[in-house]
Amino acid sequence: MPKTSGVKKFSNTVVVNSDERAPSTTAYAAGDVIGNLLTFSDIMPGDFGGGTLVGAELIDTSTVIASIDLLLFDSIPDSTNYDSDNAALDIADTDLARAIGVISFSSSDVKQFADNQIYFVSGGSQGIYMNDDNELYGVMVARSTPTYAPSNVLMVKLHIQRDAE
């Protein structure tokens, strides 16, 4: 299972990285899964605690502007086809209770550079509470119809403000 590639703490805000995902080179349809399940580990130091999701970044090694939703779950949505890259997402009814929020990345959130880009969304207020596995899970869903090159990579970072200790 993919694991977090890095955790950084700034005051009471924790930035948690996901693993990188290489998207399909076949055009996505709106509603398709991009990549597969993302795992965000070590969310809270000490394994327990709560906080607020205050922002997120989507780092993209291409300049393909896309609208992408990141669905977040507090446990693995094991009845859902989250590992079906480039197929329509079909969330199982039993997994809906595991969903804790959606972060939408759109063209108004992107900052482009010569050959890559970053989407930044801030101002979220989704409360989270970590249980003993200390992980969140995410699924990226296309809301437009992007086509990526074979060398493109996507990575998500979550910004979580921890509750006072």
C-alpha atoms as a PDB file:
ATOM      1  CA  MET A   1       0.000   0.000   0.000  1.00  0.00           C
ATOM      2  CA  PRO A   2       1.339   3.474  -0.826  1.00  0.00           C
ATOM      3  CA  LYS A   3       2.690   5.440   2.103  1.00  0.00           C
ATOM      4  CA  THR A   4       3.319   9.071   2.819  1.00  0.00           C
ATOM      5  CA  SER A   5       6.508  10.487   1.354  1.00  0.00           C
ATOM      6  CA  GLY A   6       6.915  13.231   3.937  1.00  0.00           C
ATOM      7  CA  VAL A   7       5.455  15.096   6.854  1.00  0.00           C
ATOM      8  CA  LYS A   8       6.405  18.661   7.761  1.00  0.00           C
ATOM      9  CA  LYS A   9       5.226  20.525  10.826  1.00  0.00           C
ATOM     10  CA  PHE A  10       4.817  24.304  10.868  1.00  0.00           C
ATOM     11  CA  SER A  11       3.627  25.548  14.267  1.00  0.00           C
ATOM     12  CA  ASN A  12       0.372  23.635  14.726  1.00  0.00           C
ATOM     13  CA  THR A  13      -0.113  22.949  10.992  1.00  0.00           C
ATOM     14  CA  VAL A  14       1.026  19.649   9.510  1.00  0.00           C
ATOM     15  CA  VAL A  15       1.658  19.219   5.767  1.00  0.00           C
ATOM     16  CA  VAL A  16       1.244  15.591   4.708  1.00  0.00           C
ATOM     17  CA  ASN A  17       2.337  14.347   1.284  1.00  0.00           C
ATOM     18  CA  SER A  18       0.799  11.518  -0.674  1.00  0.00           C
ATOM     19  CA  ASP A  19       2.761   9.254  -2.948  1.00  0.00           C
ATOM     20  CA  GLU A  20       3.126  10.315  -6.550  1.00  0.00           C
ATOM     21  CA  ARG A  21       0.734   8.884  -9.124  1.00  0.00           C
ATOM     22  CA  ALA A  22       1.364   8.475 -12.818  1.00  0.00           C
ATOM     23  CA  PRO A  23      -1.948   9.113 -14.569  1.00  0.00           C
ATOM     24  CA  SER A  24      -3.097   7.173 -17.624  1.00  0.00           C
ATOM     25  CA  THR A  25      -2.099   8.461 -21.065  1.00  0.00           C
ATOM     26  CA  THR A  26      -5.600   7.750 -22.377  1.00  0.00           C
ATOM     27  CA  ALA A  27      -8.044  10.651 -22.136  1.00  0.00           C
ATOM     28  CA  TYR A  28     -10.097  10.702 -18.954  1.00  0.00           C
ATOM     29  CA  ALA A  29     -13.830  11.260 -19.019  1.00  0.00           C
ATOM     30  CA  ALA A  30     -15.511  13.402 -16.399  1.00  0.00           C
ATOM     31  CA  GLY A  31     -16.144  11.150 -13.408  1.00  0.00           C
ATOM     32  CA  ASP A  32     -13.172   8.810 -14.013  1.00  0.00           C
ATOM     33  CA  VAL A  33     -10.749   7.769 -11.272  1.00  0.00           C
ATOM     34  CA  ILE A  34      -7.260   9.262 -11.797  1.00  0.00           C
ATOM     35  CA  GLY A  35      -4.545   6.853 -10.652  1.00  0.00           C
ATOM     36  CA  ASN A  36      -5.540   4.787  -7.633  1.00  0.00           C
ATOM     37  CA  LEU A  37      -6.006   5.096  -3.875  1.00  0.00           C
ATOM     38  CA  LEU A  38      -3.831   7.710  -2.145  1.00  0.00           C
ATOM     39  CA  THR A  39      -2.743   7.110   1.442  1.00  0.00           C
ATOM     40  CA  PHE A  40      -1.864   9.963   3.784  1.00  0.00           C
ATOM     41  CA  SER A  41      -0.013   8.492   6.786  1.00  0.00           C
ATOM     42  CA  ASP A  42       1.151   9.927  10.103  1.00  0.00           C
ATOM     43  CA  ILE A  43      -1.487  12.639  10.077  1.00  0.00           C
ATOM     44  CA  MET A  44      -1.268  13.367  13.800  1.00  0.00           C
ATOM     45  CA  PRO A  45       1.867  12.991  15.892  1.00  0.00           C
ATOM     46  CA  GLY A  46       1.159  10.433  18.590  1.00  0.00           C
ATOM     47  CA  ASP A  47      -1.406   8.617  16.404  1.00  0.00           C
ATOM     48  CA  PHE A  48      -4.516  10.176  17.967  1.00  0.00           C
ATOM     49  CA  GLY A  49      -6.058  13.600  17.830  1.00  0.00           C
ATOM     50  CA  GLY A  50      -8.091  15.958  15.785  1.00  0.00           C
ATOM     51  CA  GLY A  51      -7.657  18.898  13.536  1.00  0.00           C
ATOM     52  CA  THR A  52      -9.010  20.855  10.612  1.00  0.00           C
ATOM     53  CA  LEU A  53      -8.171  20.436   6.953  1.00  0.00           C
ATOM     54  CA  VAL A  54      -7.219  24.013   6.019  1.00  0.00           C
ATOM     55  CA  GLY A  55      -5.732  23.563   2.559  1.00  0.00           C
ATOM     56  CA  ALA A  56      -4.428  21.252  -0.118  1.00  0.00           C
ATOM     57  CA  GLU A  57      -2.000  21.256  -3.031  1.00  0.00           C
ATOM     58  CA  LEU A  58      -2.031  19.263  -6.260  1.00  0.00           C
ATOM     59  CA  ILE A  59       1.419  19.168  -7.848  1.00  0.00           C
ATOM     60  CA  ASP A  60       1.357  18.289 -11.541  1.00  0.00           C
ATOM     61  CA  THR A  61       4.437  17.711 -13.715  1.00  0.00           C
ATOM     62  CA  SER A  62       2.421  18.638 -16.811  1.00  0.00           C
ATOM     63  CA  THR A  63       0.696  21.803 -17.962  1.00  0.00           C
ATOM     64  CA  VAL A  64      -2.603  20.044 -18.687  1.00  0.00           C
ATOM     65  CA  ILE A  65      -5.204  22.157 -16.903  1.00  0.00           C
ATOM     66  CA  ALA A  66      -7.879  19.921 -15.428  1.00  0.00           C
ATOM     67  CA  SER A  67     -10.663  20.093 -12.886  1.00  0.00           C
ATOM     68  CA  ILE A  68     -10.080  17.370 -10.291  1.00  0.00           C
ATOM     69  CA  ASP A  69     -11.932  16.440  -7.116  1.00  0.00           C
ATOM     70  CA  LEU A  70     -10.108  14.740  -4.262  1.00  0.00           C
ATOM     71  CA  LEU A  71     -12.502  12.612  -2.224  1.00  0.00           C
ATOM     72  CA  LEU A  72     -11.236  11.948   1.301  1.00  0.00           C
ATOM     73  CA  PHE A  73     -12.082   8.947   3.473  1.00  0.00           C
ATOM     74  CA  ASP A  74     -11.285   8.174   7.116  1.00  0.00           C
ATOM     75  CA  SER A  75     -10.830   4.462   6.357  1.00  0.00           C
ATOM     76  CA  ILE A  76     -10.189   2.437   3.207  1.00  0.00           C
ATOM     77  CA  PRO A  77     -13.293   2.462   0.989  1.00  0.00           C
ATOM     78  CA  ASP A  78     -12.890  -1.273   0.398  1.00  0.00           C
ATOM     79  CA  SER A  79     -16.102  -1.779  -1.591  1.00  0.00           C
ATOM     80  CA  THR A  80     -15.353   0.980  -4.104  1.00  0.00           C
ATOM     81  CA  ASN A  81     -13.437   0.756  -7.400  1.00  0.00           C
ATOM     82  CA  TYR A  82     -10.797   3.304  -6.341  1.00  0.00           C
ATOM     83  CA  ASP A  83      -7.996   1.329  -8.032  1.00  0.00           C
ATOM     84  CA  SER A  84      -9.706   1.378 -11.451  1.00  0.00           C
ATOM     85  CA  ASP A  85      -7.661   4.087 -13.170  1.00  0.00           C
ATOM     86  CA  ASN A  86      -9.525   5.739 -16.025  1.00  0.00           C
ATOM     87  CA  ALA A  87     -12.861   4.099 -15.145  1.00  0.00           C
ATOM     88  CA  ALA A  88     -15.971   5.808 -13.819  1.00  0.00           C
ATOM     89  CA  LEU A  89     -15.928   6.025 -10.024  1.00  0.00           C
ATOM     90  CA  ASP A  90     -18.742   4.021  -8.464  1.00  0.00           C
ATOM     91  CA  ILE A  91     -18.765   4.605  -4.702  1.00  0.00           C
ATOM     92  CA  ALA A  92     -20.392   1.696  -2.912  1.00  0.00           C
ATOM     93  CA  ASP A  93     -23.268   2.637  -0.604  1.00  0.00           C
ATOM     94  CA  THR A  94     -21.387   1.040   2.313  1.00  0.00           C
ATOM     95  CA  ASP A  95     -18.412   3.355   1.717  1.00  0.00           C
ATOM     96  CA  LEU A  96     -20.353   6.635   1.759  1.00  0.00           C
ATOM     97  CA  ALA A  97     -20.182   6.789   5.574  1.00  0.00           C
ATOM     98  CA  ARG A  98     -16.370   6.689   5.323  1.00  0.00           C
ATOM     99  CA  ALA A  99     -16.240   9.877   3.231  1.00  0.00           C
ATOM    100  CA  ILE A 100     -15.175  12.958   5.199  1.00  0.00           C
ATOM    101  CA  GLY A 101     -14.996  15.589   2.477  1.00  0.00           C
ATOM    102  CA  VAL A 102     -14.195  16.677  -1.053  1.00  0.00           C
ATOM    103  CA  ILE A 103     -11.512  19.110  -2.171  1.00  0.00           C
ATOM    104  CA  SER A 104     -12.070  20.580  -5.641  1.00  0.00           C
ATOM    105  CA  PHE A 105      -9.094  21.743  -7.714  1.00  0.00           C
ATOM    106  CA  SER A 106     -10.137  23.921 -10.666  1.00  0.00           C
ATOM    107  CA  SER A 107      -8.543  26.103 -13.316  1.00  0.00           C
ATOM    108  CA  SER A 108      -8.856  29.137 -11.029  1.00  0.00           C
ATOM    109  CA  ASP A 109      -6.600  27.389  -8.457  1.00  0.00           C
ATOM    110  CA  VAL A 110      -3.689  26.614 -10.811  1.00  0.00           C
ATOM    111  CA  LYS A 111      -0.375  28.431 -11.113  1.00  0.00           C
ATOM    112  CA  GLN A 112       1.444  27.383 -14.284  1.00  0.00           C
ATOM    113  CA  PHE A 113       5.162  27.409 -14.967  1.00  0.00           C
ATOM    114  CA  ALA A 114       7.214  26.471 -18.050  1.00  0.00           C
ATOM    115  CA  ASP A 115       6.545  22.725 -17.909  1.00  0.00           C
ATOM    116  CA  ASN A 116       4.616  22.032 -14.683  1.00  0.00           C
ATOM    117  CA  GLN A 117       2.007  23.523 -12.386  1.00  0.00           C
ATOM    118  CA  ILE A 118       0.574  23.555  -8.898  1.00  0.00           C
ATOM    119  CA  TYR A 119      -3.003  23.919  -7.719  1.00  0.00           C
ATOM    120  CA  PHE A 120      -3.500  25.405  -4.269  1.00  0.00           C
ATOM    121  CA  VAL A 121      -6.767  25.451  -2.353  1.00  0.00           C
ATOM    122  CA  SER A 122      -6.955  27.121   1.057  1.00  0.00           C
ATOM    123  CA  GLY A 123      -9.567  28.128   3.557  1.00  0.00           C
ATOM    124  CA  GLY A 124     -11.039  24.703   4.190  1.00  0.00           C
ATOM    125  CA  SER A 125     -12.746  23.923   7.446  1.00  0.00           C
ATOM    126  CA  GLN A 126     -13.301  20.160   7.367  1.00  0.00           C
ATOM    127  CA  GLY A 127     -12.837  18.765  10.855  1.00  0.00           C
ATOM    128  CA  ILE A 128     -11.067  15.419  11.148  1.00  0.00           C
ATOM    129  CA  TYR A 129     -10.347  13.064  13.988  1.00  0.00           C
ATOM    130  CA  MET A 130      -7.709  10.369  13.665  1.00  0.00           C
ATOM    131  CA  ASN A 131      -8.219   6.884  14.991  1.00  0.00           C
ATOM    132  CA  ASP A 132      -5.474   4.392  15.753  1.00  0.00           C
ATOM    133  CA  ASP A 133      -4.338   3.827  12.146  1.00  0.00           C
ATOM    134  CA  ASN A 134      -3.532   7.568  11.778  1.00  0.00           C
ATOM    135  CA  GLU A 135      -4.257   7.599   8.039  1.00  0.00           C
ATOM    136  CA  LEU A 136      -6.571   9.304   5.580  1.00  0.00           C
ATOM    137  CA  TYR A 137      -7.288   7.987   2.099  1.00  0.00           C
ATOM    138  CA  GLY A 138      -8.016   9.860  -1.097  1.00  0.00           C
ATOM    139  CA  VAL A 139      -9.316   9.224  -4.586  1.00  0.00           C
ATOM    140  CA  MET A 140      -8.779  11.737  -7.406  1.00  0.00           C
ATOM    141  CA  VAL A 141     -11.712  12.086  -9.804  1.00  0.00           C
ATOM    142  CA  ALA A 142     -11.597  13.904 -13.155  1.00  0.00           C
ATOM    143  CA  ARG A 143     -14.252  16.603 -13.522  1.00  0.00           C
ATOM    144  CA  SER A 144     -13.002  17.551 -16.986  1.00  0.00           C
ATOM    145  CA  THR A 145     -11.387  15.475 -19.770  1.00  0.00           C
ATOM    146  CA  PRO A 146      -7.581  15.713 -19.341  1.00  0.00           C
ATOM    147  CA  THR A 147      -5.043  13.692 -21.345  1.00  0.00           C
ATOM    148  CA  TYR A 148      -1.590  13.263 -19.788  1.00  0.00           C
ATOM    149  CA  ALA A 149       1.782  12.297 -21.295  1.00  0.00           C
ATOM    150  CA  PRO A 150       3.599   9.130 -20.107  1.00  0.00           C
ATOM    151  CA  SER A 151       6.072  11.132 -18.007  1.00  0.00           C
ATOM    152  CA  ASN A 152       3.434  13.106 -16.041  1.00  0.00           C
ATOM    153  CA  VAL A 153       3.116  12.695 -12.275  1.00  0.00           C
ATOM    154  CA  LEU A 154       0.513  13.980  -9.805  1.00  0.00           C
ATOM    155  CA  MET A 155       1.043  14.403  -6.050  1.00  0.00           C
ATOM    156  CA  VAL A 156      -1.302  15.731  -3.370  1.00  0.00           C
ATOM    157  CA  LYS A 157      -0.375  17.512  -0.123  1.00  0.00           C
ATOM    158  CA  LEU A 158      -2.867  18.106   2.687  1.00  0.00           C
ATOM    159  CA  HIS A 159      -2.519  21.004   5.139  1.00  0.00           C
ATOM    160  CA  ILE A 160      -3.984  20.075   8.519  1.00  0.00           C
ATOM    161  CA  GLN A 161      -4.169  22.408  11.482  1.00  0.00           C
ATOM    162  CA  ARG A 162      -3.938  20.312  14.630  1.00  0.00           C
ATOM    163  CA  ASP A 163      -6.210  20.932  17.583  1.00  0.00           C
ATOM    164  CA  ALA A 164      -4.503  22.395  20.652  1.00  0.00           C
ATOM    165  CA  GLU A 165      -2.649  19.822  22.695  1.00  0.00           C
END
